[in-house]
């Protein structure tokens, strides 16, 4: 059992993910039910709990109720951070890639996710180093995470020799990626002559 499963029931995970990974969005109850993909009664109960404890606002628009996360809640930032760590791109992509990890030397996230400036519409940028895994394998493996996140995942794949060669030649794209914030999911960059710690300048 993962940490998210230990802390939150399955339906609550999906409801929290919907609201806290899309903090600028608001939803009708039917939209929440459709997005979560669980029974309407279970979703309504979870939403009602979040409203009752002040984590979600309920607004009335004519006959329709609209829901959005309450950023003024005293625990908003702490819970948003926890939801992001447990249910966000880093966690979901890491979990999705587990079956391929024996064949992957390096897996890291870069771009807006690593910088902490991503939003619900942001693509997720992923860099992989492998001599055996194909792009087709990667797209197939990442498909459930992509659908769950409702975001496009953009993988870039290098062989070990190509990755090492581009580092030595200081290829502009890789230089930008490795000089900027990144989140190392798997592997050791030291063997490629990169000693900077993940996500640090």
C-alpha atoms as a PDB file:
ATOM      1  CA  UNK A   1       0.000   0.000   0.000  1.00  0.00           C
ATOM      2  CA  UNK A   2       1.315   3.427  -0.946  1.00  0.00           C
ATOM      3  CA  UNK A   3       1.331   6.448   1.327  1.00  0.00           C
ATOM      4  CA  UNK A   4      -1.581   8.087  -0.495  1.00  0.00           C
ATOM      5  CA  UNK A   5      -3.690   4.942  -0.065  1.00  0.00           C
ATOM      6  CA  UNK A   6      -2.788   4.788   3.630  1.00  0.00           C
ATOM      7  CA  UNK A   7      -3.838   8.401   4.212  1.00  0.00           C
ATOM      8  CA  UNK A   8      -6.886   8.831   1.983  1.00  0.00           C
ATOM      9  CA  UNK A   9      -9.658   6.574   0.654  1.00  0.00           C
ATOM     10  CA  UNK A  10      -9.644   6.212  -3.132  1.00  0.00           C
ATOM     11  CA  UNK A  11     -12.531   8.587  -3.845  1.00  0.00           C
ATOM     12  CA  UNK A  12     -11.120  11.254  -1.521  1.00  0.00           C
ATOM     13  CA  UNK A  13      -7.776  11.026  -3.306  1.00  0.00           C
ATOM     14  CA  UNK A  14      -9.450  11.763  -6.628  1.00  0.00           C
ATOM     15  CA  UNK A  15     -11.513  14.644  -5.248  1.00  0.00           C
ATOM     16  CA  UNK A  16      -8.507  16.219  -3.521  1.00  0.00           C
ATOM     17  CA  UNK A  17      -6.428  15.818  -6.661  1.00  0.00           C
ATOM     18  CA  UNK A  18      -9.096  17.504  -8.782  1.00  0.00           C
ATOM     19  CA  UNK A  19      -9.364  20.554  -6.533  1.00  0.00           C
ATOM     20  CA  UNK A  20      -5.796  20.961  -5.300  1.00  0.00           C
ATOM     21  CA  UNK A  21      -3.992  20.256  -8.570  1.00  0.00           C
ATOM     22  CA  UNK A  22      -6.315  22.710 -10.334  1.00  0.00           C
ATOM     23  CA  UNK A  23      -6.623  25.507  -7.759  1.00  0.00           C
ATOM     24  CA  UNK A  24      -7.777  28.108 -10.294  1.00  0.00           C
ATOM     25  CA  UNK A  25     -10.685  26.020 -11.564  1.00  0.00           C
ATOM     26  CA  UNK A  26     -14.247  25.775 -10.346  1.00  0.00           C
ATOM     27  CA  UNK A  27     -16.631  22.919 -10.960  1.00  0.00           C
ATOM     28  CA  UNK A  28     -20.292  22.043 -10.915  1.00  0.00           C
ATOM     29  CA  UNK A  29     -21.014  18.931  -8.885  1.00  0.00           C
ATOM     30  CA  UNK A  30     -21.731  16.936 -12.046  1.00  0.00           C
ATOM     31  CA  UNK A  31     -18.310  17.951 -13.395  1.00  0.00           C
ATOM     32  CA  UNK A  32     -16.668  16.710 -10.193  1.00  0.00           C
ATOM     33  CA  UNK A  33     -18.527  13.395 -10.405  1.00  0.00           C
ATOM     34  CA  UNK A  34     -17.583  12.935 -14.065  1.00  0.00           C
ATOM     35  CA  UNK A  35     -13.932  13.851 -13.467  1.00  0.00           C
ATOM     36  CA  UNK A  36     -13.565  11.591 -10.433  1.00  0.00           C
ATOM     37  CA  UNK A  37     -15.305   8.650 -12.061  1.00  0.00           C
ATOM     38  CA  UNK A  38     -16.787   7.306  -8.827  1.00  0.00           C
ATOM     39  CA  UNK A  39     -20.342   6.883  -7.621  1.00  0.00           C
ATOM     40  CA  UNK A  40     -22.302  10.121  -7.338  1.00  0.00           C
ATOM     41  CA  UNK A  41     -23.212   9.501  -3.696  1.00  0.00           C
ATOM     42  CA  UNK A  42     -19.608   8.890  -2.644  1.00  0.00           C
ATOM     43  CA  UNK A  43     -18.387  11.977  -4.501  1.00  0.00           C
ATOM     44  CA  UNK A  44     -21.132  14.173  -3.045  1.00  0.00           C
ATOM     45  CA  UNK A  45     -20.219  13.044   0.469  1.00  0.00           C
ATOM     46  CA  UNK A  46     -16.523  13.826  -0.078  1.00  0.00           C
ATOM     47  CA  UNK A  47     -17.296  17.258  -1.519  1.00  0.00           C
ATOM     48  CA  UNK A  48     -19.679  17.994   1.363  1.00  0.00           C
ATOM     49  CA  UNK A  49     -16.957  17.102   3.878  1.00  0.00           C
ATOM     50  CA  UNK A  50     -14.494  19.450   2.179  1.00  0.00           C
ATOM     51  CA  UNK A  51     -17.072  22.244   2.172  1.00  0.00           C
ATOM     52  CA  UNK A  52     -17.971  21.641   5.828  1.00  0.00           C
ATOM     53  CA  UNK A  53     -14.338  21.874   6.955  1.00  0.00           C
ATOM     54  CA  UNK A  54     -13.643  24.973   4.873  1.00  0.00           C
ATOM     55  CA  UNK A  55     -11.269  23.455   2.322  1.00  0.00           C
ATOM     56  CA  UNK A  56     -13.667  24.024  -0.575  1.00  0.00           C
ATOM     57  CA  UNK A  57     -15.947  26.984  -1.290  1.00  0.00           C
ATOM     58  CA  UNK A  58     -19.504  26.458  -2.466  1.00  0.00           C
ATOM     59  CA  UNK A  59     -20.943  29.296  -4.557  1.00  0.00           C
ATOM     60  CA  UNK A  60     -24.498  29.573  -5.851  1.00  0.00           C
ATOM     61  CA  UNK A  61     -24.938  30.595  -9.497  1.00  0.00           C
ATOM     62  CA  UNK A  62     -28.662  30.727 -10.014  1.00  0.00           C
ATOM     63  CA  UNK A  63     -29.858  27.184  -9.467  1.00  0.00           C
ATOM     64  CA  UNK A  64     -26.385  25.715  -9.822  1.00  0.00           C
ATOM     65  CA  UNK A  65     -23.759  25.255  -7.135  1.00  0.00           C
ATOM     66  CA  UNK A  66     -20.116  25.776  -8.090  1.00  0.00           C
ATOM     67  CA  UNK A  67     -17.141  24.490  -6.114  1.00  0.00           C
ATOM     68  CA  UNK A  68     -13.537  25.661  -5.896  1.00  0.00           C
ATOM     69  CA  UNK A  69     -10.665  25.165  -3.499  1.00  0.00           C
ATOM     70  CA  UNK A  70     -10.396  27.662  -0.635  1.00  0.00           C
ATOM     71  CA  UNK A  71      -6.915  29.157  -0.760  1.00  0.00           C
ATOM     72  CA  UNK A  72      -7.659  31.089   2.444  1.00  0.00           C
ATOM     73  CA  UNK A  73      -7.922  27.917   4.498  1.00  0.00           C
ATOM     74  CA  UNK A  74      -5.235  27.895   7.210  1.00  0.00           C
ATOM     75  CA  UNK A  75      -4.011  24.499   6.001  1.00  0.00           C
ATOM     76  CA  UNK A  76      -4.337  25.122   2.250  1.00  0.00           C
ATOM     77  CA  UNK A  77      -0.618  25.342   1.505  1.00  0.00           C
ATOM     78  CA  UNK A  78       0.297  22.343   3.650  1.00  0.00           C
ATOM     79  CA  UNK A  79      -2.428  20.164   2.142  1.00  0.00           C
ATOM     80  CA  UNK A  80      -1.723  21.393  -1.395  1.00  0.00           C
ATOM     81  CA  UNK A  81       1.926  20.453  -0.919  1.00  0.00           C
ATOM     82  CA  UNK A  82       0.974  17.009   0.397  1.00  0.00           C
ATOM     83  CA  UNK A  83      -1.492  16.367  -2.439  1.00  0.00           C
ATOM     84  CA  UNK A  84       1.083  17.457  -5.010  1.00  0.00           C
ATOM     85  CA  UNK A  85       3.733  15.160  -3.543  1.00  0.00           C
ATOM     86  CA  UNK A  86       1.430  12.161  -3.222  1.00  0.00           C
ATOM     87  CA  UNK A  87      -0.878  12.576  -6.213  1.00  0.00           C
ATOM     88  CA  UNK A  88       0.829  15.050  -8.555  1.00  0.00           C
ATOM     89  CA  UNK A  89       2.984  14.507 -11.654  1.00  0.00           C
ATOM     90  CA  UNK A  90       6.137  13.479  -9.781  1.00  0.00           C
ATOM     91  CA  UNK A  91       4.432  10.703  -7.839  1.00  0.00           C
ATOM     92  CA  UNK A  92       2.251   9.438 -10.684  1.00  0.00           C
ATOM     93  CA  UNK A  93       4.991   9.381 -13.309  1.00  0.00           C
ATOM     94  CA  UNK A  94       7.405   7.721 -10.900  1.00  0.00           C
ATOM     95  CA  UNK A  95       4.813   5.031 -10.168  1.00  0.00           C
ATOM     96  CA  UNK A  96       3.978   4.562 -13.856  1.00  0.00           C
ATOM     97  CA  UNK A  97       7.627   4.111 -14.829  1.00  0.00           C
ATOM     98  CA  UNK A  98       8.348   1.437 -12.206  1.00  0.00           C
ATOM     99  CA  UNK A  99       7.975  -1.490 -14.656  1.00  0.00           C
ATOM    100  CA  UNK A 100      10.539   0.112 -16.986  1.00  0.00           C
ATOM    101  CA  UNK A 101      13.013   1.240 -14.326  1.00  0.00           C
ATOM    102  CA  UNK A 102      15.254  -1.846 -14.669  1.00  0.00           C
ATOM    103  CA  UNK A 103      15.954  -0.660 -18.228  1.00  0.00           C
ATOM    104  CA  UNK A 104      16.164   3.082 -17.469  1.00  0.00           C
ATOM    105  CA  UNK A 105      19.413   4.685 -16.315  1.00  0.00           C
ATOM    106  CA  UNK A 106      18.124   8.233 -15.759  1.00  0.00           C
ATOM    107  CA  UNK A 107      14.604   9.610 -15.352  1.00  0.00           C
ATOM    108  CA  UNK A 108      14.065  13.244 -14.453  1.00  0.00           C
ATOM    109  CA  UNK A 109      11.378  15.901 -14.660  1.00  0.00           C
ATOM    110  CA  UNK A 110      12.272  19.400 -15.776  1.00  0.00           C
ATOM    111  CA  UNK A 111      10.477  22.531 -16.918  1.00  0.00           C
ATOM    112  CA  UNK A 112       7.462  24.033 -15.166  1.00  0.00           C
ATOM    113  CA  UNK A 113       6.864  21.033 -12.869  1.00  0.00           C
ATOM    114  CA  UNK A 114      10.426  21.125 -11.544  1.00  0.00           C
ATOM    115  CA  UNK A 115      10.259  24.916 -11.206  1.00  0.00           C
ATOM    116  CA  UNK A 116       7.006  24.694  -9.258  1.00  0.00           C
ATOM    117  CA  UNK A 117       5.194  27.034 -11.647  1.00  0.00           C
ATOM    118  CA  UNK A 118       3.071  24.486 -13.501  1.00  0.00           C
ATOM    119  CA  UNK A 119      -0.703  24.727 -13.733  1.00  0.00           C
ATOM    120  CA  UNK A 120      -3.529  22.436 -14.794  1.00  0.00           C
ATOM    121  CA  UNK A 121      -2.855  23.020 -18.487  1.00  0.00           C
ATOM    122  CA  UNK A 122       0.927  22.664 -18.329  1.00  0.00           C
ATOM    123  CA  UNK A 123       2.671  19.868 -20.171  1.00  0.00           C
ATOM    124  CA  UNK A 124       4.921  17.634 -18.077  1.00  0.00           C
ATOM    125  CA  UNK A 125       8.483  17.429 -19.414  1.00  0.00           C
ATOM    126  CA  UNK A 126      10.319  14.148 -18.851  1.00  0.00           C
ATOM    127  CA  UNK A 127      13.889  13.204 -19.785  1.00  0.00           C
ATOM    128  CA  UNK A 128      14.958   9.559 -19.921  1.00  0.00           C
ATOM    129  CA  UNK A 129      18.232   7.767 -20.611  1.00  0.00           C
ATOM    130  CA  UNK A 130      17.976   4.158 -21.763  1.00  0.00           C
ATOM    131  CA  UNK A 131      19.637   1.901 -24.305  1.00  0.00           C
ATOM    132  CA  UNK A 132      16.680  -0.455 -24.618  1.00  0.00           C
ATOM    133  CA  UNK A 133      13.369   1.325 -23.932  1.00  0.00           C
ATOM    134  CA  UNK A 134      11.573   2.694 -26.994  1.00  0.00           C
ATOM    135  CA  UNK A 135       9.355   5.758 -27.203  1.00  0.00           C
ATOM    136  CA  UNK A 136       6.460   3.434 -27.952  1.00  0.00           C
ATOM    137  CA  UNK A 137       7.102   1.580 -24.672  1.00  0.00           C
ATOM    138  CA  UNK A 138       7.247   4.866 -22.791  1.00  0.00           C
ATOM    139  CA  UNK A 139       4.043   6.298 -24.255  1.00  0.00           C
ATOM    140  CA  UNK A 140       2.198   3.056 -23.513  1.00  0.00           C
ATOM    141  CA  UNK A 141       3.511   2.948 -19.944  1.00  0.00           C
ATOM    142  CA  UNK A 142       2.742   6.610 -19.258  1.00  0.00           C
ATOM    143  CA  UNK A 143      -0.758   6.566 -20.752  1.00  0.00           C
ATOM    144  CA  UNK A 144      -2.583   5.854 -17.443  1.00  0.00           C
ATOM    145  CA  UNK A 145      -0.675   8.652 -15.673  1.00  0.00           C
ATOM    146  CA  UNK A 146      -1.366  11.041 -18.540  1.00  0.00           C
ATOM    147  CA  UNK A 147      -5.086  10.283 -18.404  1.00  0.00           C
ATOM    148  CA  UNK A 148      -5.164  10.518 -14.610  1.00  0.00           C
ATOM    149  CA  UNK A 149      -3.370  13.871 -14.612  1.00  0.00           C
ATOM    150  CA  UNK A 150      -5.333  15.123 -17.645  1.00  0.00           C
ATOM    151  CA  UNK A 151      -2.041  16.579 -18.856  1.00  0.00           C
ATOM    152  CA  UNK A 152       0.276  15.863 -21.756  1.00  0.00           C
ATOM    153  CA  UNK A 153       3.549  14.155 -20.826  1.00  0.00           C
ATOM    154  CA  UNK A 154       6.428  14.966 -23.181  1.00  0.00           C
ATOM    155  CA  UNK A 155       9.214  12.359 -22.933  1.00  0.00           C
ATOM    156  CA  UNK A 156      12.649  12.910 -24.456  1.00  0.00           C
ATOM    157  CA  UNK A 157      14.801   9.774 -24.663  1.00  0.00           C
ATOM    158  CA  UNK A 158      18.563   9.447 -25.126  1.00  0.00           C
ATOM    159  CA  UNK A 159      20.815   6.432 -25.259  1.00  0.00           C
ATOM    160  CA  UNK A 160      23.654   6.451 -22.739  1.00  0.00           C
ATOM    161  CA  UNK A 161      26.268   7.262 -25.365  1.00  0.00           C
ATOM    162  CA  UNK A 162      24.187  10.038 -26.919  1.00  0.00           C
ATOM    163  CA  UNK A 163      23.432  11.546 -23.513  1.00  0.00           C
ATOM    164  CA  UNK A 164      27.101  11.492 -22.525  1.00  0.00           C
ATOM    165  CA  UNK A 165      28.172  12.929 -25.896  1.00  0.00           C
ATOM    166  CA  UNK A 166      25.691  15.804 -25.690  1.00  0.00           C
ATOM    167  CA  UNK A 167      26.857  16.649 -22.174  1.00  0.00           C
ATOM    168  CA  UNK A 168      30.495  16.730 -23.271  1.00  0.00           C
ATOM    169  CA  UNK A 169      29.587  18.924 -26.240  1.00  0.00           C
ATOM    170  CA  UNK A 170      27.448  21.136 -23.960  1.00  0.00           C
ATOM    171  CA  UNK A 171      24.452  20.792 -26.225  1.00  0.00           C
ATOM    172  CA  UNK A 172      22.209  23.792 -25.548  1.00  0.00           C
ATOM    173  CA  UNK A 173      18.998  21.938 -24.685  1.00  0.00           C
ATOM    174  CA  UNK A 174      20.623  19.582 -22.195  1.00  0.00           C
ATOM    175  CA  UNK A 175      22.658  22.403 -20.696  1.00  0.00           C
ATOM    176  CA  UNK A 176      19.465  24.366 -20.007  1.00  0.00           C
ATOM    177  CA  UNK A 177      17.752  21.330 -18.505  1.00  0.00           C
ATOM    178  CA  UNK A 178      20.640  20.345 -16.238  1.00  0.00           C
ATOM    179  CA  UNK A 179      21.475  23.917 -15.203  1.00  0.00           C
ATOM    180  CA  UNK A 180      17.863  24.576 -14.239  1.00  0.00           C
ATOM    181  CA  UNK A 181      15.751  22.932 -11.559  1.00  0.00           C
ATOM    182  CA  UNK A 182      14.983  19.283 -12.158  1.00  0.00           C
ATOM    183  CA  UNK A 183      13.527  16.416 -10.162  1.00  0.00           C
ATOM    184  CA  UNK A 184      15.563  13.230 -10.389  1.00  0.00           C
ATOM    185  CA  UNK A 185      13.210  10.260 -10.252  1.00  0.00           C
ATOM    186  CA  UNK A 186      15.727   7.536 -10.979  1.00  0.00           C
ATOM    187  CA  UNK A 187      19.447   7.138 -11.532  1.00  0.00           C
ATOM    188  CA  UNK A 188      22.765   8.741 -10.662  1.00  0.00           C
ATOM    189  CA  UNK A 189      23.987  11.673 -12.737  1.00  0.00           C
ATOM    190  CA  UNK A 190      27.455  11.502 -11.158  1.00  0.00           C
ATOM    191  CA  UNK A 191      28.475   8.804 -13.628  1.00  0.00           C
ATOM    192  CA  UNK A 192      27.861  11.304 -16.416  1.00  0.00           C
ATOM    193  CA  UNK A 193      29.932  13.975 -14.691  1.00  0.00           C
ATOM    194  CA  UNK A 194      26.968  15.877 -13.269  1.00  0.00           C
ATOM    195  CA  UNK A 195      27.269  16.338  -9.518  1.00  0.00           C
ATOM    196  CA  UNK A 196      24.697  19.062  -8.854  1.00  0.00           C
ATOM    197  CA  UNK A 197      21.923  17.938  -6.548  1.00  0.00           C
ATOM    198  CA  UNK A 198      18.416  17.528  -7.910  1.00  0.00           C
ATOM    199  CA  UNK A 199      16.508  20.768  -8.151  1.00  0.00           C
ATOM    200  CA  UNK A 200      19.309  22.943  -6.776  1.00  0.00           C
ATOM    201  CA  UNK A 201      21.254  25.692  -8.480  1.00  0.00           C
END
